N, C-alpha and C. Protein backbone atom coordinates (compact mmCIF):
# COMPACT_ATOMS: atom_id res chain seq x y z
N MET A 1 69.03 19.02 -88.50
CA MET A 1 68.97 17.70 -87.95
C MET A 1 70.36 17.25 -87.52
N ASN A 2 70.46 16.74 -86.31
CA ASN A 2 71.73 16.30 -85.76
C ASN A 2 71.97 14.85 -86.17
N THR A 3 73.04 14.60 -86.93
CA THR A 3 73.35 13.23 -87.37
C THR A 3 74.47 12.61 -86.55
N ALA A 4 74.97 13.30 -85.54
CA ALA A 4 76.02 12.75 -84.70
C ALA A 4 75.47 11.58 -83.90
N PRO A 5 76.24 10.51 -83.80
CA PRO A 5 75.76 9.36 -83.02
C PRO A 5 75.66 9.73 -81.54
N GLY A 6 74.72 9.09 -80.87
CA GLY A 6 74.57 9.30 -79.43
C GLY A 6 75.74 8.71 -78.67
N PRO A 7 75.78 8.94 -77.38
CA PRO A 7 76.90 8.43 -76.60
C PRO A 7 76.87 6.90 -76.48
N LEU A 8 78.02 6.35 -76.27
CA LEU A 8 78.15 4.94 -75.96
C LEU A 8 77.95 4.81 -74.45
N VAL A 9 77.07 3.93 -74.02
CA VAL A 9 76.83 3.72 -72.60
C VAL A 9 77.47 2.40 -72.20
N LEU A 10 78.37 2.46 -71.24
CA LEU A 10 79.04 1.28 -70.72
C LEU A 10 78.59 1.06 -69.28
N ILE A 11 78.10 -0.12 -69.00
CA ILE A 11 77.63 -0.45 -67.65
C ILE A 11 78.57 -1.51 -67.09
N GLU A 12 79.17 -1.20 -65.95
CA GLU A 12 80.06 -2.15 -65.29
C GLU A 12 79.63 -2.29 -63.83
N PRO A 13 78.87 -3.34 -63.52
CA PRO A 13 78.39 -3.52 -62.14
C PRO A 13 79.50 -3.72 -61.12
N TYR A 14 80.70 -4.11 -61.58
CA TYR A 14 81.78 -4.40 -60.63
C TYR A 14 82.95 -3.43 -60.75
N ALA A 15 82.69 -2.21 -61.18
CA ALA A 15 83.76 -1.21 -61.31
C ALA A 15 84.34 -0.82 -59.95
N HIS A 16 83.63 -1.11 -58.87
CA HIS A 16 84.13 -0.77 -57.54
C HIS A 16 85.16 -1.77 -57.04
N ARG A 17 85.26 -2.91 -57.70
CA ARG A 17 86.25 -3.91 -57.30
C ARG A 17 87.57 -3.59 -57.98
N GLY A 18 88.64 -3.72 -57.27
CA GLY A 18 89.95 -3.39 -57.81
C GLY A 18 90.48 -4.43 -58.77
N GLY A 19 91.25 -3.97 -59.76
CA GLY A 19 91.95 -4.86 -60.67
C GLY A 19 91.03 -5.67 -61.58
N GLY A 20 91.66 -6.48 -62.40
CA GLY A 20 90.91 -7.37 -63.27
C GLY A 20 90.81 -6.86 -64.69
N HIS A 21 90.58 -7.78 -65.61
CA HIS A 21 90.50 -7.39 -67.01
C HIS A 21 89.26 -6.57 -67.32
N HIS A 22 88.23 -6.67 -66.49
CA HIS A 22 87.05 -5.85 -66.74
C HIS A 22 87.36 -4.37 -66.57
N GLN A 23 88.30 -4.04 -65.69
CA GLN A 23 88.69 -2.64 -65.49
C GLN A 23 89.40 -2.10 -66.73
N ARG A 24 90.33 -2.88 -67.27
CA ARG A 24 91.07 -2.43 -68.45
C ARG A 24 90.15 -2.32 -69.66
N THR A 25 89.23 -3.25 -69.79
CA THR A 25 88.28 -3.22 -70.90
C THR A 25 87.41 -1.98 -70.82
N LEU A 26 86.91 -1.68 -69.65
CA LEU A 26 86.06 -0.51 -69.45
C LEU A 26 86.81 0.77 -69.81
N ALA A 27 88.02 0.92 -69.32
CA ALA A 27 88.80 2.13 -69.60
C ALA A 27 89.13 2.25 -71.08
N ALA A 28 89.47 1.14 -71.73
CA ALA A 28 89.81 1.17 -73.15
C ALA A 28 88.60 1.54 -74.01
N LEU A 29 87.46 0.98 -73.71
CA LEU A 29 86.25 1.31 -74.47
C LEU A 29 85.84 2.76 -74.27
N ALA A 30 85.92 3.23 -73.06
CA ALA A 30 85.56 4.63 -72.78
C ALA A 30 86.51 5.59 -73.46
N ALA A 31 87.78 5.23 -73.57
CA ALA A 31 88.76 6.10 -74.22
C ALA A 31 88.49 6.21 -75.73
N GLU A 32 87.91 5.19 -76.32
CA GLU A 32 87.61 5.21 -77.75
C GLU A 32 86.49 6.18 -78.10
N ARG A 33 85.57 6.37 -77.18
CA ARG A 33 84.45 7.30 -77.40
C ARG A 33 84.44 8.29 -76.23
N PRO A 34 85.10 9.43 -76.35
CA PRO A 34 85.21 10.37 -75.24
C PRO A 34 83.86 10.85 -74.69
N SER A 35 82.81 10.78 -75.46
CA SER A 35 81.51 11.21 -74.94
C SER A 35 80.74 10.06 -74.27
N SER A 36 81.44 9.01 -73.94
CA SER A 36 80.80 7.84 -73.33
C SER A 36 80.22 8.16 -71.97
N LEU A 37 79.24 7.38 -71.60
CA LEU A 37 78.67 7.43 -70.25
C LEU A 37 78.96 6.09 -69.61
N VAL A 38 79.61 6.11 -68.47
CA VAL A 38 79.91 4.89 -67.73
C VAL A 38 79.00 4.85 -66.51
N ILE A 39 78.29 3.75 -66.36
CA ILE A 39 77.41 3.58 -65.21
C ILE A 39 78.01 2.51 -64.32
N ALA A 40 78.36 2.91 -63.10
CA ALA A 40 78.98 2.03 -62.13
C ALA A 40 78.18 2.14 -60.83
N PRO A 41 77.21 1.25 -60.61
CA PRO A 41 76.31 1.40 -59.46
C PRO A 41 77.00 1.36 -58.10
N GLY A 42 78.14 0.70 -58.03
CA GLY A 42 78.87 0.64 -56.76
C GLY A 42 79.99 1.65 -56.66
N GLY A 43 80.09 2.55 -57.63
CA GLY A 43 81.19 3.51 -57.66
C GLY A 43 82.38 2.93 -58.40
N LEU A 44 83.49 3.67 -58.36
CA LEU A 44 84.70 3.24 -59.05
C LEU A 44 85.78 2.85 -58.05
N SER A 45 86.62 1.90 -58.44
CA SER A 45 87.76 1.56 -57.60
C SER A 45 88.82 2.64 -57.76
N GLU A 46 89.80 2.61 -56.91
CA GLU A 46 90.84 3.65 -56.95
C GLU A 46 91.73 3.55 -58.17
N ASP A 47 91.81 2.38 -58.80
CA ASP A 47 92.70 2.23 -59.94
C ASP A 47 92.03 2.54 -61.27
N MET A 48 91.00 3.38 -61.25
CA MET A 48 90.28 3.72 -62.46
C MET A 48 90.66 5.10 -63.01
N ALA A 49 91.86 5.55 -62.72
CA ALA A 49 92.33 6.84 -63.21
C ALA A 49 92.29 6.93 -64.74
N PRO A 50 92.64 5.87 -65.50
CA PRO A 50 92.54 5.98 -66.96
C PRO A 50 91.11 6.25 -67.43
N LEU A 51 90.15 5.73 -66.74
CA LEU A 51 88.76 5.97 -67.11
C LEU A 51 88.41 7.44 -66.90
N VAL A 52 88.84 7.99 -65.79
CA VAL A 52 88.56 9.40 -65.49
C VAL A 52 89.25 10.30 -66.52
N ARG A 53 90.47 9.95 -66.92
CA ARG A 53 91.21 10.75 -67.91
C ARG A 53 90.62 10.64 -69.32
N SER A 54 89.82 9.62 -69.58
CA SER A 54 89.29 9.39 -70.92
C SER A 54 88.24 10.43 -71.32
N GLY A 55 87.72 11.17 -70.38
CA GLY A 55 86.71 12.17 -70.69
C GLY A 55 85.29 11.64 -70.63
N ALA A 56 85.14 10.42 -70.21
CA ALA A 56 83.80 9.84 -70.11
C ALA A 56 83.08 10.40 -68.89
N ARG A 57 81.75 10.53 -69.03
CA ARG A 57 80.94 10.88 -67.86
C ARG A 57 80.75 9.61 -67.05
N VAL A 58 80.70 9.76 -65.74
CA VAL A 58 80.53 8.60 -64.86
C VAL A 58 79.32 8.82 -63.97
N ALA A 59 78.43 7.85 -63.96
CA ALA A 59 77.28 7.85 -63.06
C ALA A 59 77.53 6.74 -62.04
N ALA A 60 77.74 7.13 -60.80
CA ALA A 60 78.08 6.17 -59.77
C ALA A 60 76.89 5.80 -58.89
N GLY A 61 75.72 5.98 -59.39
CA GLY A 61 74.53 5.62 -58.63
C GLY A 61 73.32 5.63 -59.53
N PRO A 62 72.18 5.23 -59.02
CA PRO A 62 70.97 5.19 -59.85
C PRO A 62 70.43 6.59 -60.14
N ALA A 63 69.77 6.71 -61.28
CA ALA A 63 69.13 7.98 -61.65
C ALA A 63 67.67 7.68 -61.92
N GLY A 64 66.81 8.28 -61.13
CA GLY A 64 65.38 8.08 -61.30
C GLY A 64 64.81 7.12 -60.28
N PRO A 65 63.52 7.22 -60.02
CA PRO A 65 62.90 6.40 -58.98
C PRO A 65 62.90 4.91 -59.30
N ALA A 66 62.66 4.53 -60.55
CA ALA A 66 62.65 3.10 -60.89
C ALA A 66 64.03 2.48 -60.67
N ALA A 67 65.07 3.19 -61.08
CA ALA A 67 66.43 2.68 -60.90
C ALA A 67 66.78 2.58 -59.42
N ARG A 68 66.36 3.57 -58.62
CA ARG A 68 66.64 3.52 -57.18
C ARG A 68 65.95 2.32 -56.52
N ILE A 69 64.71 2.07 -56.91
CA ILE A 69 63.97 0.95 -56.33
C ILE A 69 64.62 -0.37 -56.74
N LEU A 70 64.91 -0.52 -58.03
CA LEU A 70 65.52 -1.76 -58.50
C LEU A 70 66.87 -2.02 -57.83
N LEU A 71 67.69 -0.97 -57.69
CA LEU A 71 69.00 -1.15 -57.07
C LEU A 71 68.85 -1.46 -55.57
N GLY A 72 67.91 -0.82 -54.90
CA GLY A 72 67.67 -1.12 -53.49
C GLY A 72 67.23 -2.56 -53.28
N VAL A 73 66.33 -3.03 -54.12
CA VAL A 73 65.88 -4.42 -54.02
C VAL A 73 67.04 -5.36 -54.35
N ALA A 74 67.84 -5.02 -55.35
CA ALA A 74 68.99 -5.85 -55.72
C ALA A 74 69.96 -6.00 -54.56
N ARG A 75 70.22 -4.90 -53.86
CA ARG A 75 71.15 -4.96 -52.72
C ARG A 75 70.58 -5.78 -51.58
N ALA A 76 69.27 -5.69 -51.35
CA ALA A 76 68.63 -6.51 -50.31
C ALA A 76 68.70 -7.98 -50.68
N VAL A 77 68.44 -8.29 -51.94
CA VAL A 77 68.50 -9.68 -52.40
C VAL A 77 69.93 -10.21 -52.31
N ALA A 78 70.92 -9.37 -52.61
CA ALA A 78 72.32 -9.79 -52.49
C ALA A 78 72.68 -10.11 -51.05
N ARG A 79 72.14 -9.34 -50.10
CA ARG A 79 72.40 -9.64 -48.68
C ARG A 79 71.78 -10.97 -48.29
N VAL A 80 70.59 -11.26 -48.80
CA VAL A 80 69.94 -12.55 -48.53
C VAL A 80 70.79 -13.68 -49.10
N ALA A 81 71.31 -13.49 -50.32
CA ALA A 81 72.16 -14.51 -50.95
C ALA A 81 73.43 -14.75 -50.14
N ALA A 82 74.05 -13.68 -49.66
CA ALA A 82 75.28 -13.82 -48.86
C ALA A 82 74.99 -14.57 -47.56
N ALA A 83 73.87 -14.26 -46.92
CA ALA A 83 73.51 -14.99 -45.69
C ALA A 83 73.25 -16.45 -46.01
N GLY A 84 72.58 -16.72 -47.12
CA GLY A 84 72.33 -18.10 -47.51
C GLY A 84 73.59 -18.86 -47.80
N GLN A 85 74.58 -18.21 -48.38
CA GLN A 85 75.86 -18.87 -48.64
C GLN A 85 76.53 -19.30 -47.35
N ARG A 86 76.44 -18.45 -46.33
CA ARG A 86 77.04 -18.82 -45.04
C ARG A 86 76.26 -19.96 -44.38
N VAL A 87 74.94 -19.89 -44.44
CA VAL A 87 74.11 -20.91 -43.78
C VAL A 87 74.23 -22.26 -44.47
N PHE A 88 74.23 -22.25 -45.81
CA PHE A 88 74.21 -23.51 -46.55
C PHE A 88 75.58 -23.95 -47.06
N ALA A 89 76.64 -23.45 -46.47
CA ALA A 89 77.99 -23.80 -46.92
C ALA A 89 78.37 -25.24 -46.59
N SER A 90 77.79 -25.80 -45.58
CA SER A 90 78.14 -27.16 -45.16
C SER A 90 77.72 -28.18 -46.19
N ARG A 91 78.54 -29.20 -46.36
CA ARG A 91 78.23 -30.29 -47.29
C ARG A 91 77.10 -31.17 -46.77
N ASN A 92 76.64 -30.90 -45.56
CA ASN A 92 75.53 -31.67 -45.00
C ASN A 92 74.21 -31.40 -45.71
N TRP A 93 74.12 -30.26 -46.38
CA TRP A 93 72.90 -29.90 -47.08
C TRP A 93 72.89 -30.56 -48.46
N PRO A 94 71.71 -30.89 -48.98
CA PRO A 94 71.63 -31.41 -50.36
C PRO A 94 72.13 -30.36 -51.35
N GLN A 95 72.59 -30.81 -52.49
CA GLN A 95 73.16 -29.90 -53.48
C GLN A 95 72.16 -28.83 -53.93
N THR A 96 70.90 -29.18 -54.08
CA THR A 96 69.92 -28.18 -54.51
C THR A 96 69.78 -27.06 -53.49
N VAL A 97 69.89 -27.41 -52.22
CA VAL A 97 69.81 -26.38 -51.17
C VAL A 97 71.08 -25.54 -51.16
N ARG A 98 72.25 -26.20 -51.29
CA ARG A 98 73.52 -25.45 -51.32
C ARG A 98 73.59 -24.53 -52.53
N ARG A 99 72.92 -24.89 -53.60
CA ARG A 99 72.94 -24.09 -54.83
C ARG A 99 71.96 -22.91 -54.78
N SER A 100 71.02 -22.93 -53.89
CA SER A 100 69.99 -21.89 -53.86
C SER A 100 70.54 -20.47 -53.64
N PRO A 101 71.54 -20.26 -52.78
CA PRO A 101 72.06 -18.88 -52.66
C PRO A 101 72.65 -18.35 -53.97
N HIS A 102 73.23 -19.24 -54.76
CA HIS A 102 73.76 -18.82 -56.07
C HIS A 102 72.62 -18.36 -56.97
N GLN A 103 71.51 -19.04 -56.91
CA GLN A 103 70.35 -18.66 -57.71
C GLN A 103 69.81 -17.29 -57.28
N VAL A 104 69.83 -17.04 -56.00
CA VAL A 104 69.39 -15.74 -55.48
C VAL A 104 70.37 -14.65 -55.93
N THR A 105 71.65 -14.98 -56.00
CA THR A 105 72.65 -14.04 -56.50
C THR A 105 72.36 -13.67 -57.96
N LEU A 106 71.92 -14.64 -58.75
CA LEU A 106 71.56 -14.35 -60.14
C LEU A 106 70.43 -13.33 -60.21
N LEU A 107 69.46 -13.47 -59.32
CA LEU A 107 68.37 -12.50 -59.27
C LEU A 107 68.88 -11.11 -58.90
N ALA A 108 69.79 -11.05 -57.94
CA ALA A 108 70.36 -9.76 -57.52
C ALA A 108 71.10 -9.10 -58.68
N ARG A 109 71.86 -9.88 -59.43
CA ARG A 109 72.59 -9.33 -60.58
C ARG A 109 71.63 -8.83 -61.65
N CYS A 110 70.58 -9.59 -61.89
CA CYS A 110 69.56 -9.18 -62.86
C CYS A 110 68.96 -7.83 -62.47
N LEU A 111 68.62 -7.68 -61.21
CA LEU A 111 68.03 -6.43 -60.73
C LEU A 111 69.02 -5.27 -60.81
N THR A 112 70.28 -5.54 -60.51
CA THR A 112 71.32 -4.50 -60.60
C THR A 112 71.48 -4.04 -62.05
N GLU A 113 71.55 -5.00 -62.98
CA GLU A 113 71.69 -4.65 -64.38
C GLU A 113 70.46 -3.88 -64.88
N ALA A 114 69.27 -4.27 -64.42
CA ALA A 114 68.05 -3.56 -64.81
C ALA A 114 68.07 -2.13 -64.28
N ALA A 115 68.54 -1.94 -63.06
CA ALA A 115 68.66 -0.58 -62.50
C ALA A 115 69.62 0.26 -63.33
N CYS A 116 70.69 -0.34 -63.79
CA CYS A 116 71.65 0.38 -64.62
C CYS A 116 71.04 0.74 -65.97
N LEU A 117 70.25 -0.15 -66.53
CA LEU A 117 69.58 0.16 -67.80
C LEU A 117 68.60 1.31 -67.62
N ARG A 118 67.88 1.33 -66.50
CA ARG A 118 66.97 2.45 -66.23
C ARG A 118 67.74 3.75 -66.10
N THR A 119 68.89 3.70 -65.45
CA THR A 119 69.74 4.88 -65.32
C THR A 119 70.21 5.34 -66.70
N ALA A 120 70.59 4.39 -67.55
CA ALA A 120 71.03 4.74 -68.91
C ALA A 120 69.91 5.40 -69.69
N ARG A 121 68.69 4.90 -69.55
CA ARG A 121 67.55 5.50 -70.25
C ARG A 121 67.35 6.95 -69.83
N ARG A 122 67.57 7.24 -68.57
CA ARG A 122 67.35 8.59 -68.06
C ARG A 122 68.50 9.53 -68.44
N LEU A 123 69.75 9.05 -68.32
CA LEU A 123 70.90 9.93 -68.53
C LEU A 123 71.34 10.03 -69.99
N ALA A 124 71.04 9.02 -70.79
CA ALA A 124 71.43 9.02 -72.21
C ALA A 124 70.30 8.43 -73.04
N PRO A 125 69.20 9.19 -73.16
CA PRO A 125 68.04 8.64 -73.87
C PRO A 125 68.29 8.35 -75.35
N ARG A 126 69.27 9.01 -75.96
CA ARG A 126 69.58 8.79 -77.38
C ARG A 126 70.90 8.05 -77.56
N ALA A 127 71.20 7.12 -76.68
CA ALA A 127 72.46 6.38 -76.75
C ALA A 127 72.55 5.58 -78.04
N SER A 128 73.76 5.57 -78.62
CA SER A 128 73.95 4.80 -79.84
C SER A 128 74.01 3.31 -79.50
N SER A 129 74.61 2.97 -78.38
CA SER A 129 74.69 1.58 -77.93
C SER A 129 74.78 1.56 -76.41
N VAL A 130 74.18 0.53 -75.84
CA VAL A 130 74.28 0.30 -74.40
C VAL A 130 74.89 -1.08 -74.23
N VAL A 131 76.01 -1.14 -73.50
CA VAL A 131 76.74 -2.40 -73.32
C VAL A 131 76.89 -2.67 -71.84
N ILE A 132 76.48 -3.86 -71.42
CA ILE A 132 76.71 -4.28 -70.03
C ILE A 132 77.93 -5.17 -70.03
N LEU A 133 78.99 -4.71 -69.36
CA LEU A 133 80.21 -5.50 -69.21
C LEU A 133 80.06 -6.37 -67.97
N SER A 134 80.74 -7.47 -67.91
CA SER A 134 80.62 -8.41 -66.78
C SER A 134 79.17 -8.81 -66.57
N ALA A 135 78.45 -8.96 -67.65
CA ALA A 135 77.03 -9.27 -67.55
C ALA A 135 76.82 -10.72 -67.12
N SER A 136 75.73 -10.93 -66.47
CA SER A 136 75.32 -12.28 -66.11
C SER A 136 74.58 -12.87 -67.30
N GLU A 137 74.98 -14.05 -67.70
CA GLU A 137 74.34 -14.67 -68.85
C GLU A 137 72.91 -15.09 -68.53
N ALA A 138 72.68 -15.44 -67.30
CA ALA A 138 71.36 -15.88 -66.87
C ALA A 138 70.42 -14.68 -66.75
N LEU A 139 69.17 -14.89 -66.99
CA LEU A 139 68.11 -13.91 -66.80
C LEU A 139 68.25 -12.64 -67.64
N HIS A 140 68.90 -12.74 -68.80
CA HIS A 140 69.08 -11.53 -69.61
C HIS A 140 67.75 -11.01 -70.15
N GLY A 141 66.80 -11.87 -70.38
CA GLY A 141 65.48 -11.42 -70.82
C GLY A 141 64.77 -10.61 -69.74
N ALA A 142 64.87 -11.08 -68.50
CA ALA A 142 64.25 -10.36 -67.40
C ALA A 142 64.93 -9.01 -67.19
N THR A 143 66.24 -8.95 -67.38
CA THR A 143 66.97 -7.69 -67.26
C THR A 143 66.47 -6.68 -68.29
N ALA A 144 66.31 -7.13 -69.53
CA ALA A 144 65.83 -6.23 -70.58
C ALA A 144 64.41 -5.77 -70.30
N LEU A 145 63.57 -6.68 -69.81
CA LEU A 145 62.18 -6.32 -69.52
C LEU A 145 62.10 -5.30 -68.38
N LEU A 146 62.82 -5.55 -67.29
CA LEU A 146 62.80 -4.63 -66.15
C LEU A 146 63.53 -3.33 -66.46
N GLY A 147 64.61 -3.41 -67.24
CA GLY A 147 65.39 -2.23 -67.56
C GLY A 147 64.75 -1.37 -68.64
N GLY A 148 63.91 -1.98 -69.45
CA GLY A 148 63.19 -1.23 -70.46
C GLY A 148 64.05 -0.69 -71.59
N ALA A 149 65.18 -1.33 -71.85
CA ALA A 149 66.05 -0.82 -72.92
C ALA A 149 66.78 -1.97 -73.59
N PRO A 150 66.94 -1.89 -74.91
CA PRO A 150 67.76 -2.89 -75.60
C PRO A 150 69.23 -2.66 -75.25
N HIS A 151 69.99 -3.73 -75.24
CA HIS A 151 71.39 -3.60 -74.87
C HIS A 151 72.18 -4.78 -75.40
N LEU A 152 73.49 -4.61 -75.40
CA LEU A 152 74.42 -5.68 -75.74
C LEU A 152 74.99 -6.20 -74.44
N ARG A 153 75.43 -7.44 -74.46
CA ARG A 153 76.01 -8.02 -73.26
C ARG A 153 77.42 -8.49 -73.59
N PHE A 154 78.34 -8.14 -72.75
CA PHE A 154 79.73 -8.57 -72.90
C PHE A 154 79.99 -9.54 -71.76
N VAL A 155 79.81 -10.81 -72.04
CA VAL A 155 79.90 -11.84 -71.01
C VAL A 155 81.31 -12.40 -71.04
N HIS A 156 81.99 -12.29 -69.92
CA HIS A 156 83.35 -12.84 -69.86
C HIS A 156 83.63 -13.40 -68.48
N GLU A 157 82.70 -14.16 -68.01
CA GLU A 157 82.94 -14.87 -66.77
C GLU A 157 82.43 -16.29 -66.90
N ALA A 158 82.51 -17.06 -65.86
CA ALA A 158 82.07 -18.45 -65.91
C ALA A 158 80.60 -18.53 -66.29
N VAL A 159 80.29 -19.44 -67.18
CA VAL A 159 78.91 -19.64 -67.59
C VAL A 159 78.14 -20.25 -66.43
N THR A 160 76.96 -19.73 -66.21
CA THR A 160 76.12 -20.25 -65.14
C THR A 160 74.71 -20.39 -65.66
N THR A 161 73.96 -21.24 -65.04
CA THR A 161 72.57 -21.43 -65.47
C THR A 161 71.65 -21.21 -64.29
N GLU A 162 70.46 -20.78 -64.64
CA GLU A 162 69.47 -20.63 -63.60
C GLU A 162 68.71 -21.95 -63.44
N ASP A 163 68.38 -22.28 -62.22
CA ASP A 163 67.61 -23.48 -61.95
C ASP A 163 66.13 -23.24 -62.28
N ARG A 164 65.36 -24.28 -62.26
CA ARG A 164 63.95 -24.21 -62.60
C ARG A 164 63.22 -23.18 -61.73
N SER A 165 63.56 -23.10 -60.45
CA SER A 165 62.86 -22.17 -59.55
C SER A 165 63.08 -20.72 -59.96
N VAL A 166 64.25 -20.37 -60.47
CA VAL A 166 64.55 -19.01 -60.90
C VAL A 166 63.88 -18.71 -62.24
N ARG A 167 63.88 -19.70 -63.12
CA ARG A 167 63.23 -19.51 -64.43
C ARG A 167 61.78 -19.23 -64.23
């Protein structure tokens, strides 16, 4: 019987963006557990050399059909949110309308995190822990339901809430 703990799975949806404390946190955590699996749906930024040297495996895309579908829908929803931000940027719109693209962004993040959880289930089925870094505080229940895996959330950004329509 193998009593060795499973790999630590670190999910960083924004690893493709350069700089920031999330990059240093990701590299430091991966270095602590050399058998870690890092899931970065958008790929890695160029300044992630410490992560590569840590010996962690890196998955830079979805694994499995469910993860591919969730990530594809997430990217489409993110494009809709970006278009909405441009359209509703004017102060002429009521605040609820101006806030709607942000709510759509929350849905896109939820779907991205769920796709990463599906990838983690496929690539590290016996993971000791799954941690989503830069997680969105909103819709964490929906992320767990769609992702099909228990996980920890490392929230270190501005607190945001979902409006009634998103709930």
